[in-house]
PDB file of N, CA and C in Angstrom:
ATOM      1  N   MET A   1       0.671  -1.459  -0.359  1.00  0.00           N
ATOM      2  CA  MET A   1       0.196  -0.083   0.143  1.00  0.00           C
ATOM      3  C   MET A   1       1.186   1.148   0.224  1.00  0.00           C
ATOM      4  N   MET A   2       2.212   1.126   0.263  1.00  0.00           N
ATOM      5  CA  MET A   2       2.880   2.143   0.387  1.00  0.00           C
ATOM      6  C   MET A   2       3.107   3.127  -0.805  1.00  0.00           C
ATOM      7  N   PRO A   3       3.331   2.310  -1.935  1.00  0.00           N
ATOM      8  CA  PRO A   3       3.004   3.041  -3.294  1.00  0.00           C
ATOM      9  C   PRO A   3       2.089   4.258  -3.527  1.00  0.00           C
ATOM     10  N   SER A   4       1.083   3.728  -3.205  1.00  0.00           N
ATOM     11  CA  SER A   4      -0.431   4.510  -3.173  1.00  0.00           C
ATOM     12  C   SER A   4      -0.342   5.626  -2.083  1.00  0.00           C
ATOM     13  N   VAL A   5       0.646   5.455  -1.175  1.00  0.00           N
ATOM     14  CA  VAL A   5       0.234   6.277   0.189  1.00  0.00           C
ATOM     15  C   VAL A   5       1.426   6.923  -0.383  1.00  0.00           C
ATOM     16  N   HIS A   6       2.666   6.869  -0.948  1.00  0.00           N
ATOM     17  CA  HIS A   6       3.757   7.924  -1.689  1.00  0.00           C
ATOM     18  C   HIS A   6       2.892   9.020  -2.791  1.00  0.00           C
ATOM     19  N   THR A   7       2.158   8.193  -3.948  1.00  0.00           N
ATOM     20  CA  THR A   7       1.632   9.051  -4.534  1.00  0.00           C
ATOM     21  C   THR A   7       0.770  10.226  -4.480  1.00  0.00           C
ATOM     22  N   ALA A   8      -0.269   9.957  -3.179  1.00  0.00           N
ATOM     23  CA  ALA A   8      -1.453  10.335  -2.772  1.00  0.00           C
ATOM     24  C   ALA A   8      -0.922  11.959  -1.940  1.00  0.00           C
ATOM     25  N   VAL A   9       0.558  11.235  -1.011  1.00  0.00           N
ATOM     26  CA  VAL A   9       1.615  12.693  -0.244  1.00  0.00           C
ATOM     27  C   VAL A   9       2.008  13.502  -1.437  1.00  0.00           C
ATOM     28  N   ASP A  10       2.641  12.514  -2.277  1.00  0.00           N
ATOM     29  CA  ASP A  10       3.352  13.793  -3.681  1.00  0.00           C
ATOM     30  C   ASP A  10       2.329  14.675  -3.998  1.00  0.00           C
ATOM     31  N   GLY A  11       1.089  14.012  -4.497  1.00  0.00           N
ATOM     32  CA  GLY A  11      -0.127  14.754  -4.864  1.00  0.00           C
ATOM     33  C   GLY A  11      -0.272  16.233  -4.076  1.00  0.00           C
ATOM     34  N   LEU A  12      -0.663  16.035  -2.886  1.00  0.00           N
ATOM     35  CA  LEU A  12      -1.183  16.600  -1.594  1.00  0.00           C
ATOM     36  C   LEU A  12       0.070  18.098  -1.546  1.00  0.00           C
ATOM     37  N   VAL A  13       1.263  17.576  -1.764  1.00  0.00           N
ATOM     38  CA  VAL A  13       2.131  18.674  -1.521  1.00  0.00           C
ATOM     39  C   VAL A  13       2.613  19.437  -2.229  1.00  0.00           C
ATOM     40  N   ARG A  14       2.370  18.808  -4.143  1.00  0.00           N
ATOM     41  CA  ARG A  14       2.237  19.550  -4.886  1.00  0.00           C
ATOM     42  C   ARG A  14       0.713  20.287  -4.994  1.00  0.00           C
ATOM     43  N   ASP A  15       0.127  19.871  -4.856  1.00  0.00           N
ATOM     44  CA  ASP A  15      -1.056  20.988  -4.465  1.00  0.00           C
ATOM     45  C   ASP A  15      -0.971  21.934  -3.438  1.00  0.00           C
ATOM     46  N   GLY A  16      -0.196  21.600  -2.957  1.00  0.00           N
ATOM     47  CA  GLY A  16       0.042  23.172  -1.675  1.00  0.00           C
ATOM     48  C   GLY A  16      -0.772  22.520  -0.525  1.00  0.00           C
ATOM     49  N   SER A  17      -1.351  21.342  -0.494  1.00  0.00           N
ATOM     50  CA  SER A  17      -2.481  21.142   0.847  1.00  0.00           C
ATOM     51  C   SER A  17      -1.676  20.766   2.373  1.00  0.00           C
ATOM     52  N   VAL A  18      -0.819  19.944   1.852  1.00  0.00           N
ATOM     53  CA  VAL A  18       0.044  19.437   2.875  1.00  0.00           C
ATOM     54  C   VAL A  18       1.711  20.383   2.646  1.00  0.00           C
ATOM     55  N   ARG A  19       2.379  19.919   4.102  1.00  0.00           N
ATOM     56  CA  ARG A  19       4.266  20.594   4.322  1.00  0.00           C
ATOM     57  C   ARG A  19       4.540  18.990   4.792  1.00  0.00           C
ATOM     58  N   LEU A  20       5.999  18.879   4.099  1.00  0.00           N
ATOM     59  CA  LEU A  20       6.777  17.788   4.547  1.00  0.00           C
ATOM     60  C   LEU A  20       7.698  18.578   5.913  1.00  0.00           C
ATOM     61  N   SER A  21       8.109  17.799   6.698  1.00  0.00           N
ATOM     62  CA  SER A  21       8.725  18.487   7.430  1.00  0.00           C
ATOM     63  C   SER A  21       9.691  17.272   8.502  1.00  0.00           C
ATOM     64  N   TRP A  22      10.793  17.431   8.785  1.00  0.00           N
ATOM     65  CA  TRP A  22      11.583  16.298   9.818  1.00  0.00           C
ATOM     66  C   TRP A  22      12.317  17.054  10.587  1.00  0.00           C
ATOM     67  N   LYS A  23      11.994  17.014  12.138  1.00  0.00           N
ATOM     68  CA  LYS A  23      13.020  17.574  12.993  1.00  0.00           C
ATOM     69  C   LYS A  23      12.484  18.835  12.869  1.00  0.00           C
ATOM     70  N   GLY A  24      11.471  19.194  12.355  1.00  0.00           N
ATOM     71  CA  GLY A  24      11.237  20.681  12.749  1.00  0.00           C
ATOM     72  C   GLY A  24      11.897  21.677  11.272  1.00  0.00           C
ATOM     73  N   LYS A  25      12.337  21.266  10.195  1.00  0.00           N
ATOM     74  CA  LYS A  25      13.068  21.768   9.339  1.00  0.00           C
ATOM     75  C   LYS A  25      12.161  20.792   7.896  1.00  0.00           C
ATOM     76  N   PRO A  26      11.756  22.282   7.364  1.00  0.00           N
ATOM     77  CA  PRO A  26      10.686  21.817   5.587  1.00  0.00           C
ATOM     78  C   PRO A  26      11.719  20.866   5.310  1.00  0.00           C
ATOM     79  N   LEU A  27      10.707  20.079   4.639  1.00  0.00           N
ATOM     80  CA  LEU A  27      11.282  19.265   3.061  1.00  0.00           C
ATOM     81  C   LEU A  27      10.913  19.550   2.198  1.00  0.00           C
ATOM     82  N   ALA A  28      11.176  19.641   0.818  1.00  0.00           N
ATOM     83  CA  ALA A  28      10.890  19.742  -0.957  1.00  0.00           C
ATOM     84  C   ALA A  28      10.253  18.530  -1.081  1.00  0.00           C
ATOM     85  N   THR A  29      10.294  17.682  -0.861  1.00  0.00           N
ATOM     86  CA  THR A  29      10.206  16.273  -0.949  1.00  0.00           C
ATOM     87  C   THR A  29      10.695  15.111  -0.143  1.00  0.00           C
ATOM     88  N   ARG A  30       9.968  14.295  -0.580  1.00  0.00           N
ATOM     89  CA  ARG A  30       9.837  12.967   0.256  1.00  0.00           C
ATOM     90  C   ARG A  30      11.036  12.250   0.636  1.00  0.00           C
ATOM     91  N   ALA A  31      11.864  12.406   1.437  1.00  0.00           N
ATOM     92  CA  ALA A  31      12.721  11.521   1.473  1.00  0.00           C
ATOM     93  C   ALA A  31      13.438  11.029   3.171  1.00  0.00           C
ATOM     94  N   GLY A  32      13.615   9.752   3.322  1.00  0.00           N
ATOM     95  CA  GLY A  32      13.632   9.149   4.505  1.00  0.00           C
ATOM     96  C   GLY A  32      11.978   9.309   5.359  1.00  0.00           C
ATOM     97  N   PRO A  33      12.307   9.598   6.423  1.00  0.00           N
ATOM     98  CA  PRO A  33      11.313   9.966   7.556  1.00  0.00           C
ATOM     99  C   PRO A  33      10.756  11.197   7.395  1.00  0.00           C
ATOM    100  N   TYR A  34       9.583  11.649   7.341  1.00  0.00           N
ATOM    101  CA  TYR A  34       9.148  12.863   7.044  1.00  0.00           C
ATOM    102  C   TYR A  34       7.566  12.934   8.273  1.00  0.00           C
ATOM    103  N   ARG A  35       7.444  14.092   8.561  1.00  0.00           N
ATOM    104  CA  ARG A  35       5.984  14.205   9.083  1.00  0.00           C
ATOM    105  C   ARG A  35       5.350  15.410   7.914  1.00  0.00           C
ATOM    106  N   ILE A  36       3.594  14.920   8.064  1.00  0.00           N
ATOM    107  CA  ILE A  36       3.154  15.526   6.772  1.00  0.00           C
ATOM    108  C   ILE A  36       2.544  16.430   8.010  1.00  0.00           C
ATOM    109  N   GLY A  37       1.831  17.433   7.096  1.00  0.00           N
ATOM    110  CA  GLY A  37       1.148  18.494   8.532  1.00  0.00           C
ATOM    111  C   GLY A  37       0.705  19.676   7.243  1.00  0.00           C
ATOM    112  N   ARG A  38      -0.388  20.625   7.590  1.00  0.00           N
ATOM    113  CA  ARG A  38      -1.398  21.240   7.463  1.00  0.00           C
ATOM    114  C   ARG A  38      -0.430  22.317   7.515  1.00  0.00           C
ATOM    115  N   PHE A  39      -0.482  23.505   6.591  1.00  0.00           N
ATOM    116  CA  PHE A  39       0.328  24.800   6.510  1.00  0.00           C
ATOM    117  C   PHE A  39      -0.895  25.869   7.722  1.00  0.00           C
ATOM    118  N   ASP A  40      -1.494  25.846   8.069  1.00  0.00           N
ATOM    119  CA  ASP A  40      -2.427  26.552   9.345  1.00  0.00           C
ATOM    120  C   ASP A  40      -1.466  25.540  10.538  1.00  0.00           C
ATOM    121  N   ASP A  41      -0.978  24.337  10.741  1.00  0.00           N
ATOM    122  CA  ASP A  41      -0.576  24.023  11.815  1.00  0.00           C
ATOM    123  C   ASP A  41       0.622  24.711  12.144  1.00  0.00           C
ATOM    124  N   ASP A  42       1.261  25.289  13.769  1.00  0.00           N
ATOM    125  CA  ASP A  42       2.525  25.502  14.117  1.00  0.00           C
ATOM    126  C   ASP A  42       2.812  24.749  15.038  1.00  0.00           C
TER     127      ASP A  42
END
């Protein structure tokens, strides 16, 4: 199922619906471990 999840995450990032980060630092693309967050979350 992970390929489907990755495709969905990539689409949400591309659409600007979510952002990716790891240890508080933003990520431009999925790489290794990451967190998914909404832009209004601080």
